[in-house]
Amino acid sequence: MRTGVIKDLEHTSGSGGITIVMEDGTRLLADNGPTIRSFDAMYGDVIIPGEHTFDKSKVIGKKIKYHIDDYGFMDGMDVCDE
């Protein structure tokens, strides 16, 4: 697994995808729904109730452990306590 700090989340409404931009410039492609639900479970209060959206400020600056598959898609992540 790799580690990195989240710099930004890029999402195009209706696309079903999200790009997690890391501070080192790595861009992680991921499935929007499961990724945001994972962030919410990891950090809390990421999903905004009743608005079908998320608060990316809750994850920017957080350090995560992650794995990317052979196609460049993130297929796992967890909190990094280092």
C-alpha atoms as a PDB file:
ATOM      1  CA  MET A   1       0.000   0.000   0.000  1.00  0.00           C
ATOM      2  CA  ARG A   2       1.051   3.578  -0.647  1.00  0.00           C
ATOM      3  CA  THR A   3       0.492   6.558   1.620  1.00  0.00           C
ATOM      4  CA  GLY A   4      -0.304  10.153   0.811  1.00  0.00           C
ATOM      5  CA  VAL A   5      -2.088  13.317   1.859  1.00  0.00           C
ATOM      6  CA  ILE A   6      -5.293  14.344   0.093  1.00  0.00           C
ATOM      7  CA  LYS A   7      -5.009  17.713  -1.657  1.00  0.00           C
ATOM      8  CA  ASP A   8      -8.374  17.821  -3.452  1.00  0.00           C
ATOM      9  CA  LEU A   9     -11.389  15.824  -4.619  1.00  0.00           C
ATOM     10  CA  GLU A  10     -12.616  16.371  -8.185  1.00  0.00           C
ATOM     11  CA  HIS A  11     -16.107  15.209  -9.074  1.00  0.00           C
ATOM     12  CA  THR A  12     -18.287  15.725 -12.118  1.00  0.00           C
ATOM     13  CA  SER A  13     -21.945  15.433 -11.201  1.00  0.00           C
ATOM     14  CA  GLY A  14     -23.584  12.425 -12.807  1.00  0.00           C
ATOM     15  CA  SER A  15     -20.310  10.769 -13.805  1.00  0.00           C
ATOM     16  CA  GLY A  16     -20.226   8.188 -11.022  1.00  0.00           C
ATOM     17  CA  GLY A  17     -16.512   8.769 -10.636  1.00  0.00           C
ATOM     18  CA  ILE A  18     -14.270  10.826  -8.411  1.00  0.00           C
ATOM     19  CA  THR A  19     -10.607  11.764  -8.656  1.00  0.00           C
ATOM     20  CA  ILE A  20      -8.620  12.034  -5.446  1.00  0.00           C
ATOM     21  CA  VAL A  21      -5.690  14.393  -5.970  1.00  0.00           C
ATOM     22  CA  MET A  22      -2.779  13.723  -3.632  1.00  0.00           C
ATOM     23  CA  GLU A  23      -0.219  16.331  -2.530  1.00  0.00           C
ATOM     24  CA  ASP A  24       2.509  14.541  -4.521  1.00  0.00           C
ATOM     25  CA  GLY A  25       0.469  14.949  -7.730  1.00  0.00           C
ATOM     26  CA  THR A  26      -0.835  11.380  -7.863  1.00  0.00           C
ATOM     27  CA  ARG A  27      -4.399  11.236  -9.181  1.00  0.00           C
ATOM     28  CA  LEU A  28      -6.484   8.332  -7.910  1.00  0.00           C
ATOM     29  CA  LEU A  29      -9.564   7.361  -9.905  1.00  0.00           C
ATOM     30  CA  ALA A  30     -12.375   5.855  -7.846  1.00  0.00           C
ATOM     31  CA  ASP A  31     -16.090   5.044  -7.765  1.00  0.00           C
ATOM     32  CA  ASN A  32     -17.833   8.052  -6.220  1.00  0.00           C
ATOM     33  CA  GLY A  33     -20.473   6.437  -3.970  1.00  0.00           C
ATOM     34  CA  PRO A  34     -18.352   3.815  -2.185  1.00  0.00           C
ATOM     35  CA  THR A  35     -15.427   6.239  -1.840  1.00  0.00           C
ATOM     36  CA  ILE A  36     -17.483   8.989  -0.203  1.00  0.00           C
ATOM     37  CA  ARG A  37     -19.190   6.453   2.094  1.00  0.00           C
ATOM     38  CA  SER A  38     -15.737   5.158   3.069  1.00  0.00           C
ATOM     39  CA  PHE A  39     -14.541   8.693   3.825  1.00  0.00           C
ATOM     40  CA  ASP A  40     -17.665   9.240   5.913  1.00  0.00           C
ATOM     41  CA  ALA A  41     -16.972   6.043   7.891  1.00  0.00           C
ATOM     42  CA  MET A  42     -13.303   6.995   8.344  1.00  0.00           C
ATOM     43  CA  TYR A  43     -13.718  10.669   9.316  1.00  0.00           C
ATOM     44  CA  GLY A  44     -17.423  11.310   9.976  1.00  0.00           C
ATOM     45  CA  ASP A  45     -19.701  14.105   8.754  1.00  0.00           C
ATOM     46  CA  VAL A  46     -18.446  13.901   5.154  1.00  0.00           C
ATOM     47  CA  ILE A  47     -21.888  13.220   3.674  1.00  0.00           C
ATOM     48  CA  ILE A  48     -24.235  16.205   3.926  1.00  0.00           C
ATOM     49  CA  PRO A  49     -27.660  14.886   5.018  1.00  0.00           C
ATOM     50  CA  GLY A  50     -30.557  15.579   2.674  1.00  0.00           C
ATOM     51  CA  GLU A  51     -28.410  17.195  -0.024  1.00  0.00           C
ATOM     52  CA  HIS A  52     -26.994  14.140  -1.862  1.00  0.00           C
ATOM     53  CA  THR A  53     -23.524  15.682  -1.724  1.00  0.00           C
ATOM     54  CA  PHE A  54     -20.379  15.722   0.409  1.00  0.00           C
ATOM     55  CA  ASP A  55     -18.113  18.156   2.246  1.00  0.00           C
ATOM     56  CA  LYS A  56     -14.647  17.680   0.805  1.00  0.00           C
ATOM     57  CA  SER A  57     -13.115  19.948   3.455  1.00  0.00           C
ATOM     58  CA  LYS A  58     -13.555  17.031   5.885  1.00  0.00           C
ATOM     59  CA  VAL A  59     -10.972  14.928   3.983  1.00  0.00           C
ATOM     60  CA  ILE A  60      -8.565  17.462   2.466  1.00  0.00           C
ATOM     61  CA  GLY A  61      -5.283  17.300   4.373  1.00  0.00           C
ATOM     62  CA  LYS A  62      -5.953  13.773   5.678  1.00  0.00           C
ATOM     63  CA  LYS A  63      -3.275  11.119   5.236  1.00  0.00           C
ATOM     64  CA  ILE A  64      -4.493   7.803   3.856  1.00  0.00           C
ATOM     65  CA  LYS A  65      -3.083   4.420   2.933  1.00  0.00           C
ATOM     66  CA  TYR A  66      -4.289   3.335  -0.491  1.00  0.00           C
ATOM     67  CA  HIS A  67      -3.828   0.750  -3.214  1.00  0.00           C
ATOM     68  CA  ILE A  68      -4.267   1.222  -6.943  1.00  0.00           C
ATOM     69  CA  ASP A  69      -4.864  -1.582  -9.418  1.00  0.00           C
ATOM     70  CA  ASP A  70      -3.087  -2.182 -12.728  1.00  0.00           C
ATOM     71  CA  TYR A  71      -5.487   0.194 -14.487  1.00  0.00           C
ATOM     72  CA  GLY A  72      -4.926   3.135 -12.141  1.00  0.00           C
ATOM     73  CA  PHE A  73      -8.135   2.778 -10.153  1.00  0.00           C
ATOM     74  CA  MET A  74      -8.036   2.927  -6.374  1.00  0.00           C
ATOM     75  CA  ASP A  75      -9.242  -0.395  -5.023  1.00  0.00           C
ATOM     76  CA  GLY A  76      -8.672   0.093  -1.310  1.00  0.00           C
ATOM     77  CA  MET A  77      -7.890   2.737   1.308  1.00  0.00           C
ATOM     78  CA  ASP A  78      -7.672   3.201   5.052  1.00  0.00           C
ATOM     79  CA  VAL A  79      -6.745   5.811   7.650  1.00  0.00           C
ATOM     80  CA  CYS A  80      -2.987   6.299   7.968  1.00  0.00           C
ATOM     81  CA  ASP A  81      -1.882   6.919  11.540  1.00  0.00           C
ATOM     82  CA  GLU A  82       1.816   7.432  10.754  1.00  0.00           C
END
